[in-house]
C-alpha cells in the first residue's frame, strides 16, 4: 500500500522548556530544573509526527538564517520530512517558544513567531503542486490567518481532506468553515472561536453545536486526559483516552492531530482515525519534550488497540 501523503502549512520554533514548582508571576525569580531545548512549532511537530507514523510528510514554513534554523534542517533530514517548501529569510529570526512546566505536567507558553509571520497566501501558492498530490492538507493558526485560509482553499480546490487545527485560537471568519473538513480545537480554543471566555462553563457539546450552526461541519474537540469529542451530521461520541503516567502535556494536541490525519489519509473511519490520534496524544505525554515523545507507528498501533478494545 502506498504511503499516505500529508502536507502541513505551519510553523517551526525552537522550544526552551524548564520545569518549575509553580507558574511564575512578574517580579519573582524562582529556581527551575530539567531545562531542555529542542525543536517545536505546531506545524513542524505535526510534520515530524506524521512522518514518524509512516506518512510522506511535507512542511510549508519559513525559518530565519540563524542557528535555530539549523536545528530545523537537521531535524527534517533525520525524520524524513520533505523540506522543499521550507525557506529561510534574513529578515526575521526563527520562531522561539518559552515553556514552563509545573509538577503536574501542565504548561505555560510564550511565543515569538518571528519568521513565521512572513508566510502569506502567495507563499502557500508555491506549494500548490505538493498540496495537489496530498491525501490530507493540514494548517494551524501559528501562521497568519491568510496563509491558513489559502491552505484550506487549495486543499478544497484539489479535492483533498482538509484539517484546520485552530491553535493558538483566534477569531476566524465563518467563511473558512466551508473549506474545512475537520476542525480540531481543544476546549479552550473552542470557546475562543465562539468569542467566549476560555473557561466558559457551558458543556463543550453545546458549544460545538453553536459552532456547527456557524458552518463548521465536522468538529473534533480534544478533551485532554478525557479523550476527544466528535460531532458530525451522523456522529456524536466521546472517545476516552488511555491512562498514562503524565510527564509533559506539551505537544499532545499536535500528536493527536497527526495521528488523526494519518488515519484519515489511510482511509479509516473518523472514529478509528480519532482513536489513532488519541493513542498518539497519550504517548507524547509520557516523555519530556515534544519530539522525543512523538510516537513510532509500532507504539501508536499498540496503544490504538488498547483504546479500541476499551471503546
Protein backbone atom coordinates (compact mmCIF):
# COMPACT_ATOMS: atom_id res chain seq x y z
CA UNK A 1 0.00 0.00 0.00
CA UNK A 2 1.30 3.44 -0.91
CA UNK A 3 2.27 5.70 1.95
CA UNK A 4 -0.31 8.37 2.79
CA UNK A 5 0.85 11.85 1.78
CA UNK A 6 0.28 14.80 4.09
CA UNK A 7 1.16 18.47 3.62
CA UNK A 8 1.31 20.74 6.66
CA UNK A 9 1.23 24.54 6.37
CA UNK A 10 2.63 25.67 9.67
CA UNK A 11 5.48 26.81 11.80
CA UNK A 12 8.84 25.80 13.17
CA UNK A 13 10.03 27.13 16.51
CA UNK A 14 12.70 26.20 18.99
CA UNK A 15 11.20 25.44 22.37
CA UNK A 16 13.09 26.27 25.54
CA UNK A 17 11.50 24.29 28.37
CA UNK A 18 12.09 24.45 32.10
CA UNK A 19 10.27 22.81 34.98
CA UNK A 20 9.21 25.00 37.91
CA UNK A 21 7.16 24.33 41.06
CA UNK A 22 4.62 27.00 40.09
CA UNK A 23 3.76 29.27 37.20
CA UNK A 24 5.78 32.45 37.90
CA UNK A 25 4.42 35.94 38.40
CA UNK A 26 6.14 39.17 37.36
CA UNK A 27 8.91 40.34 39.66
CA UNK A 28 9.61 36.89 41.09
CA UNK A 29 12.73 34.81 40.43
CA UNK A 30 12.43 31.11 41.13
CA UNK A 31 14.60 28.07 40.68
CA UNK A 32 13.75 25.64 37.91
CA UNK A 33 15.08 22.30 36.72
CA UNK A 34 15.15 19.87 33.79
CA UNK A 35 15.96 22.52 31.18
CA UNK A 36 15.51 21.28 27.64
CA UNK A 37 15.97 22.99 24.28
CA UNK A 38 14.56 21.37 21.21
CA UNK A 39 12.56 21.73 18.02
CA UNK A 40 8.89 22.65 18.14
CA UNK A 41 6.21 24.71 16.44
CA UNK A 42 2.83 23.17 15.75
CA UNK A 43 3.29 22.72 12.02
CA UNK A 44 6.76 21.24 12.41
CA UNK A 45 5.62 18.95 15.21
CA UNK A 46 2.79 17.64 13.07
CA UNK A 47 5.04 17.13 10.04
CA UNK A 48 7.53 15.13 12.12
CA UNK A 49 4.83 13.14 13.87
CA UNK A 50 3.05 12.18 10.64
CA UNK A 51 6.39 11.14 9.11
CA UNK A 52 7.20 9.04 12.17
CA UNK A 53 3.83 7.32 11.73
CA UNK A 54 4.80 6.34 8.20
CA UNK A 55 3.38 9.13 6.05
CA UNK A 56 5.13 11.07 3.31
CA UNK A 57 5.15 14.37 5.12
CA UNK A 58 5.84 17.82 3.62
CA UNK A 59 6.12 21.06 5.58
CA UNK A 60 5.44 24.56 4.24
CA UNK A 61 7.18 27.04 6.56
CA UNK A 62 9.68 29.90 6.90
CA UNK A 63 12.63 30.00 9.30
CA UNK A 64 15.42 32.51 9.87
CA UNK A 65 19.05 32.36 8.90
CA UNK A 66 20.38 31.52 12.34
CA UNK A 67 21.48 28.62 14.49
CA UNK A 68 17.92 27.77 15.43
CA UNK A 69 17.13 27.27 11.73
CA UNK A 70 19.96 24.72 11.59
CA UNK A 71 18.05 22.69 14.18
CA UNK A 72 15.07 22.57 11.80
CA UNK A 73 17.12 21.50 8.80
CA UNK A 74 18.84 18.74 10.75
CA UNK A 75 15.53 17.56 12.20
CA UNK A 76 13.84 17.16 8.84
CA UNK A 77 16.78 15.22 7.45
CA UNK A 78 16.74 12.90 10.43
CA UNK A 79 12.97 12.36 10.42
CA UNK A 80 12.43 12.12 6.67
CA UNK A 81 10.26 15.23 6.34
CA UNK A 82 10.18 16.84 2.90
CA UNK A 83 11.54 20.36 3.48
CA UNK A 84 11.47 21.51 -0.16
CA UNK A 85 8.96 24.21 0.84
CA UNK A 86 10.77 25.35 3.98
CA UNK A 87 12.50 28.63 3.16
CA UNK A 88 14.96 30.77 5.09
CA UNK A 89 14.83 34.53 5.46
CA UNK A 90 17.31 37.09 6.73
CA UNK A 91 14.51 39.50 7.66
CA UNK A 92 13.37 37.78 10.85
CA UNK A 93 14.72 35.25 13.36
CA UNK A 94 13.46 31.71 13.65
CA UNK A 95 10.44 31.48 15.95
CA UNK A 96 11.01 30.62 19.61
CA UNK A 97 8.80 29.49 22.46
CA UNK A 98 9.46 29.65 26.20
CA UNK A 99 7.71 26.80 28.02
CA UNK A 100 7.28 26.48 31.78
CA UNK A 101 6.08 23.16 33.22
CA UNK A 102 4.71 22.68 36.70
CA UNK A 103 4.90 19.49 38.76
CA UNK A 104 1.58 18.26 37.31
CA UNK A 105 2.88 18.42 33.75
CA UNK A 106 0.75 21.46 32.88
CA UNK A 107 2.40 24.13 30.75
CA UNK A 108 2.57 27.89 30.23
CA UNK A 109 3.96 29.05 26.87
CA UNK A 110 5.13 32.40 25.45
CA UNK A 111 5.79 32.53 21.69
CA UNK A 112 7.63 34.88 19.34
CA UNK A 113 6.67 33.72 15.84
CA UNK A 114 9.48 35.60 14.10
CA UNK A 115 9.94 34.43 10.50
CA UNK A 116 6.64 32.54 10.56
CA UNK A 117 4.85 35.89 10.34
CA UNK A 118 6.13 36.25 6.77
CA UNK A 119 4.06 33.32 5.47
CA UNK A 120 1.29 34.66 3.23
CA UNK A 121 -1.11 33.29 0.62
CA UNK A 122 1.42 33.72 -2.19
CA UNK A 123 3.97 31.68 -0.25
CA UNK A 124 1.44 28.87 0.20
CA UNK A 125 0.68 29.02 -3.54
CA UNK A 126 4.26 27.91 -4.22
CA UNK A 127 3.40 24.57 -2.65
CA UNK A 128 0.22 24.01 -4.66
CA UNK A 129 1.68 21.11 -6.62
CA UNK A 130 2.61 19.39 -3.35
CA UNK A 131 -0.86 20.03 -1.91
CA UNK A 132 -2.42 18.68 -5.09
CA UNK A 133 -0.59 15.38 -4.63
CA UNK A 134 -1.53 15.00 -0.95
CA UNK A 135 -4.21 12.96 0.74
CA UNK A 136 -4.60 15.39 3.64
CA UNK A 137 -3.78 19.10 3.97
CA UNK A 138 -3.28 20.48 7.47
CA UNK A 139 -2.95 24.05 8.76
CA UNK A 140 -2.53 25.68 12.15
CA UNK A 141 -3.07 29.25 13.32
CA UNK A 142 0.54 29.87 14.26
CA UNK A 143 0.80 31.05 10.65
CA UNK A 144 -1.02 34.22 9.59
CA UNK A 145 -4.72 33.59 9.00
CA UNK A 146 -4.47 34.37 5.27
CA UNK A 147 -1.97 31.53 4.89
CA UNK A 148 -4.13 29.05 6.79
CA UNK A 149 -7.15 30.01 4.69
CA UNK A 150 -5.15 29.61 1.48
CA UNK A 151 -4.00 26.15 2.55
CA UNK A 152 -7.62 25.13 3.08
CA UNK A 153 -8.65 26.72 -0.24
CA UNK A 154 -6.02 24.80 -2.17
CA UNK A 155 -6.89 21.59 -0.38
CA UNK A 156 -10.54 22.04 -1.30
CA UNK A 157 -9.62 23.00 -4.89
CA UNK A 158 -7.79 19.70 -5.34
CA UNK A 159 -10.39 17.59 -3.52
CA UNK A 160 -8.19 16.75 -0.53
CA UNK A 161 -9.16 16.17 3.09
CA UNK A 162 -8.58 19.44 4.97
CA UNK A 163 -7.88 19.76 8.69
CA UNK A 164 -7.65 23.10 10.48
CA UNK A 165 -6.18 22.94 13.95
CA UNK A 166 -7.21 26.39 15.27
CA UNK A 167 -4.28 26.73 17.63
CA UNK A 168 -3.49 29.09 19.10
CA UNK A 169 -7.15 30.13 18.96
CA UNK A 170 -8.05 33.39 17.27
CA UNK A 171 -11.23 34.81 15.77
CA UNK A 172 -11.75 33.42 12.27
CA UNK A 173 -14.36 34.32 9.65
CA UNK A 174 -17.25 31.92 9.21
CA UNK A 175 -16.41 31.64 5.51
CA UNK A 176 -13.42 29.43 6.30
CA UNK A 177 -15.62 26.67 7.69
CA UNK A 178 -16.83 25.74 4.21
CA UNK A 179 -13.21 24.92 3.30
CA UNK A 180 -12.51 22.76 6.36
CA UNK A 181 -13.45 19.10 6.57
CA UNK A 182 -12.35 18.73 10.19
CA UNK A 183 -11.93 21.49 12.77
CA UNK A 184 -9.88 20.28 15.75
CA UNK A 185 -9.87 22.74 18.68
CA UNK A 186 -9.24 21.92 22.29
CA UNK A 187 -11.85 23.00 24.84
CA UNK A 188 -10.47 26.48 25.46
CA UNK A 189 -9.91 27.07 21.74
CA UNK A 190 -13.49 26.02 21.07
CA UNK A 191 -14.69 28.75 23.39
CA UNK A 192 -12.39 31.41 21.99
CA UNK A 193 -13.60 30.62 18.45
CA UNK A 194 -17.10 31.46 19.68
CA UNK A 195 -15.97 34.74 21.27
CA UNK A 196 -16.35 33.33 24.79
CA UNK A 197 -14.03 33.21 27.77
CA UNK A 198 -11.65 30.22 27.65
CA UNK A 199 -13.22 28.93 30.87
CA UNK A 200 -16.87 29.41 29.87
CA UNK A 201 -18.74 26.80 31.95
CA UNK A 202 -21.17 25.61 29.30
CA UNK A 203 -20.72 21.99 28.14
CA UNK A 204 -18.42 21.59 25.15
CA UNK A 205 -21.04 19.55 23.30
CA UNK A 206 -23.43 22.52 23.48
CA UNK A 207 -20.74 24.87 22.21
CA UNK A 208 -19.87 22.56 19.33
CA UNK A 209 -23.47 22.81 18.14
CA UNK A 210 -23.17 26.61 18.25
CA UNK A 211 -20.05 26.35 16.10
CA UNK A 212 -21.74 23.98 13.66
CA UNK A 213 -24.60 26.46 13.22
CA UNK A 214 -21.95 28.90 12.03
CA UNK A 215 -20.88 26.47 9.33
CA UNK A 216 -18.35 24.11 10.92
CA UNK A 217 -19.40 20.68 9.69
CA UNK A 218 -17.20 18.17 11.49
CA UNK A 219 -15.79 19.25 14.85
CA UNK A 220 -13.33 17.13 16.83
CA UNK A 221 -12.61 18.61 20.27
CA UNK A 222 -9.61 17.35 22.19
CA UNK A 223 -10.52 16.95 25.86
CA UNK A 224 -7.08 16.45 27.39
CA UNK A 225 -6.94 13.40 29.64
CA UNK A 226 -10.63 12.68 28.87
CA UNK A 227 -10.01 11.93 25.18
CA UNK A 228 -11.92 13.57 22.31
CA UNK A 229 -15.45 14.59 21.38
CA UNK A 230 -16.51 14.03 17.75
CA UNK A 231 -19.61 15.76 16.38
CA UNK A 232 -20.68 15.48 12.74
CA UNK A 233 -24.02 15.15 10.94
CA UNK A 234 -24.12 11.46 11.86
CA UNK A 235 -21.76 11.08 14.83
CA UNK A 236 -21.90 12.41 18.38
CA UNK A 237 -19.48 10.43 20.52
CA UNK A 238 -16.68 10.76 23.06
CA UNK A 239 -13.62 8.55 22.76
CA UNK A 240 -11.79 8.19 26.08
CA UNK A 241 -8.04 8.40 26.32
CA UNK A 242 -5.72 5.80 27.78
CA UNK A 243 -4.36 6.10 31.30
CA UNK A 244 -0.66 7.00 31.23
CA UNK A 245 1.89 8.50 33.60
CA UNK A 246 1.95 12.15 32.51
CA UNK A 247 5.36 13.79 32.35
CA UNK A 248 4.74 16.66 29.91
CA UNK A 249 1.50 17.58 28.12
CA UNK A 250 3.27 19.86 25.62
CA UNK A 251 2.55 18.68 22.08
CA UNK A 252 -0.43 16.49 22.94
CA UNK A 253 -2.67 18.39 20.55
CA UNK A 254 -0.11 18.14 17.76
CA UNK A 255 0.26 14.42 18.36
CA UNK A 256 -3.50 13.89 18.23
CA UNK A 257 -3.88 15.86 15.01
CA UNK A 258 -1.05 13.90 13.42
CA UNK A 259 -2.48 10.50 14.26
CA UNK A 260 -5.95 11.66 13.21
CA UNK A 261 -4.62 12.94 9.86
CA UNK A 262 -2.68 9.75 9.15
CA UNK A 263 -5.74 7.66 9.99
CA UNK A 264 -7.93 9.67 7.61
CA UNK A 265 -5.25 9.56 4.90
CA UNK A 266 -5.21 5.77 5.21
CA UNK A 267 -8.96 5.66 4.63
CA UNK A 268 -10.01 4.90 8.20
CA UNK A 269 -13.37 5.99 9.58
CA UNK A 270 -13.48 9.22 11.57
CA UNK A 271 -13.80 7.26 14.81
CA UNK A 272 -10.90 4.94 14.03
CA UNK A 273 -8.74 7.88 12.92
CA UNK A 274 -9.58 9.65 16.17
CA UNK A 275 -8.60 6.56 18.16
CA UNK A 276 -5.20 6.60 16.48
CA UNK A 277 -4.94 10.30 17.29
CA UNK A 278 -5.86 9.70 20.93
CA UNK A 279 -3.20 6.99 21.12
CA UNK A 280 -0.55 9.40 19.82
CA UNK A 281 -1.73 12.15 22.17
CA UNK A 282 -1.45 9.87 25.18
CA UNK A 283 2.02 8.61 24.26
CA UNK A 284 3.57 12.06 23.80
CA UNK A 285 2.62 12.93 27.39
CA UNK A 286 4.84 10.18 28.77
CA UNK A 287 8.15 11.88 27.90
CA UNK A 288 9.75 15.26 28.44
CA UNK A 289 9.94 17.20 25.17
CA UNK A 290 7.65 17.02 22.17
CA UNK A 291 9.82 15.36 19.53
CA UNK A 292 11.18 12.66 21.87
CA UNK A 293 7.59 11.83 22.81
CA UNK A 294 6.10 11.60 19.31
CA UNK A 295 5.02 8.02 18.76
CA UNK A 296 6.53 5.48 16.42
CA UNK A 297 3.97 3.58 14.38
CA UNK A 298 4.53 0.42 16.38
CA UNK A 299 3.87 2.17 19.69
CA UNK A 300 0.88 4.06 18.30
CA UNK A 301 -0.70 0.89 16.92
CA UNK A 302 -0.25 -0.89 20.25
CA UNK A 303 -1.89 1.98 22.15
CA UNK A 304 -4.62 2.19 19.49
CA UNK A 305 -5.54 -1.43 20.10
CA UNK A 306 -5.85 -0.74 23.83
CA UNK A 307 -8.14 2.22 23.21
CA UNK A 308 -10.21 0.40 20.59
CA UNK A 309 -10.73 -2.53 22.94
CA UNK A 310 -11.99 -0.17 25.64
CA UNK A 311 -14.47 1.61 23.34
